[in-house]
Amino acid sequence: MHKILGCGFLEYVYQEALSYEFKLRKIPFIPQKELDIWYKDLLIPKKYSSDFFVEDCVIVEIKAASGLTNNDQAQLINYLKATKNKVGLLLNFGTESLEIKRRIL
């Protein structure tokens, strides 16, 4: 996908393209899955959403930036904590080569 599109588009373009690829490959996924965040017994009213929830176990977060930051990685780790999922992928399409970070909680 990165080889076809290259870098320079907004995240939305890569999200749409990745959705298309998941559908072509019949990979089950939920786009923009809302995540409940709990603090003790309080459900925080603000909802966060991951870019993709794949095969009921992997959170995929997409970026289109000049490079991944510690904040990007912290965002993915927080999504993993909130959902109690173990595996997350951070994909950055904003660089000349696709940047991939896998995080295991």
N, C-alpha and C. Protein backbone atom coordinates (compact mmCIF):
# COMPACT_ATOMS: atom_id res chain seq x y z
N MET A 1 0.82 -1.18 0.00
CA MET A 1 0.00 0.00 0.00
C MET A 1 0.87 1.26 0.00
N HIS A 2 1.89 1.31 0.87
CA HIS A 2 2.79 2.46 0.92
C HIS A 2 3.54 2.59 -0.40
N LYS A 3 3.86 1.46 -1.03
CA LYS A 3 4.57 1.49 -2.31
C LYS A 3 3.71 2.14 -3.40
N ILE A 4 2.40 1.98 -3.29
CA ILE A 4 1.50 2.55 -4.30
C ILE A 4 1.23 4.03 -4.01
N LEU A 5 0.88 4.34 -2.77
CA LEU A 5 0.51 5.71 -2.42
C LEU A 5 1.71 6.61 -2.11
N GLY A 6 2.75 6.02 -1.54
CA GLY A 6 3.88 6.83 -1.10
C GLY A 6 3.51 7.62 0.15
N CYS A 7 4.33 8.62 0.48
CA CYS A 7 4.04 9.44 1.65
C CYS A 7 3.46 10.78 1.20
N GLY A 8 2.87 11.50 2.13
CA GLY A 8 2.40 12.84 1.84
C GLY A 8 0.90 13.04 1.93
N PHE A 9 0.13 11.96 2.00
CA PHE A 9 -1.32 12.09 2.14
C PHE A 9 -1.69 12.25 3.61
N LEU A 10 -2.91 12.68 3.88
CA LEU A 10 -3.43 12.72 5.23
C LEU A 10 -3.75 11.30 5.70
N GLU A 11 -3.85 11.14 7.02
CA GLU A 11 -4.15 9.83 7.59
C GLU A 11 -5.39 9.19 6.99
N TYR A 12 -6.39 10.00 6.72
CA TYR A 12 -7.66 9.50 6.19
C TYR A 12 -7.46 8.66 4.93
N VAL A 13 -6.59 9.08 4.05
CA VAL A 13 -6.34 8.35 2.80
C VAL A 13 -5.79 6.96 3.11
N TYR A 14 -4.85 6.88 4.02
CA TYR A 14 -4.25 5.59 4.37
C TYR A 14 -5.26 4.70 5.11
N GLN A 15 -6.12 5.31 5.93
CA GLN A 15 -7.17 4.54 6.61
C GLN A 15 -8.11 3.90 5.58
N GLU A 16 -8.53 4.68 4.60
CA GLU A 16 -9.42 4.15 3.57
C GLU A 16 -8.74 3.05 2.76
N ALA A 17 -7.49 3.26 2.41
CA ALA A 17 -6.75 2.26 1.64
C ALA A 17 -6.55 0.98 2.45
N LEU A 18 -6.24 1.12 3.73
CA LEU A 18 -6.04 -0.06 4.57
C LEU A 18 -7.36 -0.80 4.78
N SER A 19 -8.45 -0.07 4.94
CA SER A 19 -9.77 -0.71 5.02
C SER A 19 -10.04 -1.54 3.78
N TYR A 20 -9.74 -0.98 2.64
CA TYR A 20 -9.92 -1.68 1.37
C TYR A 20 -9.09 -2.96 1.33
N GLU A 21 -7.84 -2.89 1.76
CA GLU A 21 -6.96 -4.06 1.78
C GLU A 21 -7.48 -5.13 2.74
N PHE A 22 -7.96 -4.73 3.92
CA PHE A 22 -8.55 -5.70 4.85
C PHE A 22 -9.73 -6.42 4.20
N LYS A 23 -10.58 -5.65 3.53
CA LYS A 23 -11.76 -6.24 2.88
C LYS A 23 -11.35 -7.21 1.77
N LEU A 24 -10.37 -6.81 0.95
CA LEU A 24 -9.89 -7.69 -0.12
C LEU A 24 -9.38 -9.03 0.42
N ARG A 25 -8.72 -8.97 1.56
CA ARG A 25 -8.11 -10.17 2.14
C ARG A 25 -9.05 -10.89 3.12
N LYS A 26 -10.28 -10.35 3.25
CA LYS A 26 -11.28 -10.93 4.15
C LYS A 26 -10.76 -11.02 5.59
N ILE A 27 -10.05 -9.97 6.01
CA ILE A 27 -9.56 -9.88 7.38
C ILE A 27 -10.60 -9.11 8.19
N PRO A 28 -11.16 -9.73 9.23
CA PRO A 28 -12.17 -9.02 10.03
C PRO A 28 -11.57 -7.84 10.78
N PHE A 29 -12.26 -6.70 10.69
CA PHE A 29 -11.78 -5.49 11.36
C PHE A 29 -12.95 -4.57 11.67
N ILE A 30 -12.72 -3.71 12.65
CA ILE A 30 -13.68 -2.67 13.00
C ILE A 30 -12.95 -1.34 12.88
N PRO A 31 -13.40 -0.46 11.97
CA PRO A 31 -12.75 0.85 11.88
C PRO A 31 -13.27 1.79 12.96
N GLN A 32 -12.41 2.66 13.44
CA GLN A 32 -12.78 3.69 14.42
C GLN A 32 -13.55 3.13 15.62
N LYS A 33 -13.04 2.04 16.17
CA LYS A 33 -13.70 1.42 17.32
C LYS A 33 -13.57 2.31 18.56
N GLU A 34 -14.73 2.63 19.16
CA GLU A 34 -14.72 3.44 20.37
C GLU A 34 -14.21 2.62 21.56
N LEU A 35 -13.41 3.27 22.38
CA LEU A 35 -12.82 2.60 23.54
C LEU A 35 -13.34 3.23 24.82
N ASP A 36 -13.80 2.41 25.73
CA ASP A 36 -14.21 2.89 27.05
C ASP A 36 -12.96 3.03 27.92
N ILE A 37 -12.86 4.15 28.60
CA ILE A 37 -11.75 4.38 29.52
C ILE A 37 -12.33 4.47 30.93
N TRP A 38 -11.79 3.64 31.82
CA TRP A 38 -12.27 3.60 33.20
C TRP A 38 -11.20 4.14 34.14
N TYR A 39 -11.65 4.87 35.13
CA TYR A 39 -10.83 5.27 36.26
C TYR A 39 -11.56 4.77 37.50
N LYS A 40 -11.00 3.74 38.13
CA LYS A 40 -11.65 3.05 39.24
C LYS A 40 -13.04 2.62 38.78
N ASP A 41 -14.11 3.13 39.40
CA ASP A 41 -15.46 2.73 38.96
C ASP A 41 -16.14 3.81 38.10
N LEU A 42 -15.37 4.79 37.65
CA LEU A 42 -15.90 5.89 36.83
C LEU A 42 -15.60 5.64 35.36
N LEU A 43 -16.65 5.60 34.55
CA LEU A 43 -16.48 5.54 33.11
C LEU A 43 -16.28 6.97 32.61
N ILE A 44 -15.12 7.25 32.05
CA ILE A 44 -14.82 8.59 31.53
C ILE A 44 -15.76 8.86 30.35
N PRO A 45 -16.48 9.99 30.37
CA PRO A 45 -17.47 10.25 29.32
C PRO A 45 -16.87 10.41 27.93
N LYS A 46 -15.69 10.99 27.84
CA LYS A 46 -15.05 11.19 26.53
C LYS A 46 -14.63 9.84 25.96
N LYS A 47 -14.98 9.60 24.71
CA LYS A 47 -14.61 8.34 24.05
C LYS A 47 -13.39 8.57 23.17
N TYR A 48 -12.51 7.61 23.19
CA TYR A 48 -11.39 7.58 22.27
C TYR A 48 -11.68 6.50 21.24
N SER A 49 -11.03 6.59 20.11
CA SER A 49 -11.22 5.52 19.13
C SER A 49 -9.90 5.18 18.47
N SER A 50 -9.68 3.89 18.32
CA SER A 50 -8.50 3.43 17.60
C SER A 50 -8.84 3.43 16.11
N ASP A 51 -7.83 3.53 15.27
CA ASP A 51 -8.09 3.54 13.83
C ASP A 51 -8.71 2.22 13.38
N PHE A 52 -8.16 1.10 13.87
CA PHE A 52 -8.69 -0.22 13.52
C PHE A 52 -8.56 -1.17 14.70
N PHE A 53 -9.52 -2.05 14.80
CA PHE A 53 -9.47 -3.18 15.72
C PHE A 53 -9.57 -4.41 14.84
N VAL A 54 -8.48 -5.17 14.73
CA VAL A 54 -8.36 -6.24 13.74
C VAL A 54 -8.45 -7.61 14.39
N GLU A 55 -9.29 -8.45 13.82
CA GLU A 55 -9.48 -9.84 14.26
C GLU A 55 -9.74 -9.94 15.76
N ASP A 56 -10.45 -8.98 16.31
CA ASP A 56 -10.82 -8.97 17.73
C ASP A 56 -9.65 -9.04 18.69
N CYS A 57 -8.45 -8.65 18.24
CA CYS A 57 -7.33 -8.74 19.18
C CYS A 57 -6.19 -7.76 18.93
N VAL A 58 -6.10 -7.13 17.77
CA VAL A 58 -4.97 -6.25 17.47
C VAL A 58 -5.49 -4.83 17.22
N ILE A 59 -4.91 -3.89 17.94
CA ILE A 59 -5.23 -2.48 17.72
C ILE A 59 -4.20 -1.92 16.74
N VAL A 60 -4.71 -1.27 15.69
CA VAL A 60 -3.83 -0.67 14.68
C VAL A 60 -4.08 0.83 14.68
N GLU A 61 -3.02 1.58 14.88
CA GLU A 61 -3.10 3.03 14.87
C GLU A 61 -2.24 3.54 13.71
N ILE A 62 -2.81 4.44 12.92
CA ILE A 62 -2.14 4.96 11.73
C ILE A 62 -1.71 6.40 11.96
N LYS A 63 -0.52 6.71 11.45
CA LYS A 63 -0.01 8.08 11.47
C LYS A 63 0.48 8.43 10.07
N ALA A 64 0.51 9.73 9.78
CA ALA A 64 1.07 10.24 8.53
C ALA A 64 1.92 11.44 8.90
N ALA A 65 3.03 11.17 9.59
CA ALA A 65 3.88 12.23 10.14
C ALA A 65 5.32 12.03 9.68
N SER A 66 6.15 13.02 9.95
CA SER A 66 7.55 12.92 9.54
C SER A 66 8.32 11.88 10.35
N GLY A 67 7.74 11.43 11.44
CA GLY A 67 8.35 10.39 12.26
C GLY A 67 7.47 10.09 13.45
N LEU A 68 7.60 8.90 14.00
CA LEU A 68 6.83 8.53 15.18
C LEU A 68 7.45 9.17 16.42
N THR A 69 6.59 9.56 17.34
CA THR A 69 7.04 10.19 18.58
C THR A 69 6.74 9.29 19.77
N ASN A 70 7.28 9.66 20.92
CA ASN A 70 6.95 8.95 22.15
C ASN A 70 5.47 9.07 22.46
N ASN A 71 4.86 10.21 22.12
CA ASN A 71 3.41 10.40 22.34
C ASN A 71 2.60 9.43 21.50
N ASP A 72 3.03 9.18 20.26
CA ASP A 72 2.33 8.21 19.41
C ASP A 72 2.37 6.82 20.04
N GLN A 73 3.54 6.46 20.54
CA GLN A 73 3.69 5.14 21.16
C GLN A 73 2.90 5.07 22.46
N ALA A 74 2.88 6.15 23.23
CA ALA A 74 2.11 6.18 24.48
C ALA A 74 0.62 6.04 24.17
N GLN A 75 0.15 6.68 23.11
CA GLN A 75 -1.25 6.56 22.70
C GLN A 75 -1.62 5.11 22.46
N LEU A 76 -0.79 4.39 21.72
CA LEU A 76 -1.06 2.98 21.44
C LEU A 76 -1.05 2.15 22.72
N ILE A 77 -0.09 2.39 23.57
CA ILE A 77 -0.01 1.64 24.83
C ILE A 77 -1.24 1.92 25.69
N ASN A 78 -1.70 3.16 25.73
CA ASN A 78 -2.91 3.49 26.50
C ASN A 78 -4.13 2.78 25.92
N TYR A 79 -4.23 2.69 24.60
CA TYR A 79 -5.33 1.96 23.98
C TYR A 79 -5.28 0.48 24.37
N LEU A 80 -4.08 -0.08 24.42
CA LEU A 80 -3.95 -1.48 24.83
C LEU A 80 -4.39 -1.66 26.28
N LYS A 81 -3.96 -0.77 27.14
CA LYS A 81 -4.35 -0.85 28.55
C LYS A 81 -5.86 -0.73 28.71
N ALA A 82 -6.45 0.22 27.99
CA ALA A 82 -7.88 0.47 28.11
C ALA A 82 -8.71 -0.72 27.66
N THR A 83 -8.26 -1.40 26.63
CA THR A 83 -9.03 -2.52 26.06
C THR A 83 -8.60 -3.87 26.62
N LYS A 84 -7.51 -3.87 27.35
CA LYS A 84 -6.94 -5.12 27.88
C LYS A 84 -6.49 -6.06 26.76
N ASN A 85 -6.19 -5.49 25.60
CA ASN A 85 -5.61 -6.26 24.51
C ASN A 85 -4.11 -6.26 24.66
N LYS A 86 -3.48 -7.23 24.07
CA LYS A 86 -2.04 -7.41 24.26
C LYS A 86 -1.19 -6.84 23.12
N VAL A 87 -1.72 -6.81 21.89
CA VAL A 87 -0.89 -6.48 20.73
C VAL A 87 -1.42 -5.25 20.00
N GLY A 88 -0.49 -4.35 19.66
CA GLY A 88 -0.84 -3.17 18.89
C GLY A 88 0.21 -2.89 17.83
N LEU A 89 -0.24 -2.30 16.74
CA LEU A 89 0.66 -1.89 15.67
C LEU A 89 0.50 -0.40 15.43
N LEU A 90 1.62 0.27 15.30
CA LEU A 90 1.65 1.68 14.97
C LEU A 90 2.28 1.78 13.59
N LEU A 91 1.51 2.29 12.62
CA LEU A 91 1.99 2.39 11.24
C LEU A 91 2.09 3.85 10.85
N ASN A 92 3.28 4.26 10.42
CA ASN A 92 3.47 5.64 9.98
C ASN A 92 3.74 5.65 8.47
N PHE A 93 2.79 6.23 7.74
CA PHE A 93 2.90 6.32 6.29
C PHE A 93 3.52 7.64 5.84
N GLY A 94 3.91 8.48 6.77
CA GLY A 94 4.40 9.81 6.44
C GLY A 94 5.88 9.88 6.10
N THR A 95 6.57 8.77 6.20
CA THR A 95 8.00 8.75 5.88
C THR A 95 8.23 8.04 4.55
N GLU A 96 9.42 8.20 4.01
CA GLU A 96 9.72 7.61 2.70
C GLU A 96 9.53 6.10 2.70
N SER A 97 9.91 5.45 3.78
CA SER A 97 9.66 4.02 3.97
C SER A 97 8.63 3.87 5.09
N LEU A 98 7.76 2.89 4.96
CA LEU A 98 6.74 2.65 5.99
C LEU A 98 7.43 2.37 7.31
N GLU A 99 7.00 3.06 8.35
CA GLU A 99 7.54 2.88 9.69
C GLU A 99 6.54 2.07 10.50
N ILE A 100 7.02 0.97 11.08
CA ILE A 100 6.14 0.05 11.83
C ILE A 100 6.71 -0.16 13.23
N LYS A 101 5.86 -0.01 14.22
CA LYS A 101 6.22 -0.33 15.61
C LYS A 101 5.18 -1.29 16.14
N ARG A 102 5.63 -2.40 16.68
CA ARG A 102 4.75 -3.37 17.31
C ARG A 102 4.93 -3.27 18.80
N ARG A 103 3.83 -3.18 19.52
CA ARG A 103 3.89 -3.09 20.98
C ARG A 103 3.07 -4.22 21.56
N ILE A 104 3.65 -4.85 22.59
CA ILE A 104 2.99 -5.91 23.32
C ILE A 104 2.89 -5.49 24.77
N LEU A 105 1.67 -5.54 25.28
CA LEU A 105 1.44 -5.10 26.66
C LEU A 105 1.64 -6.26 27.61
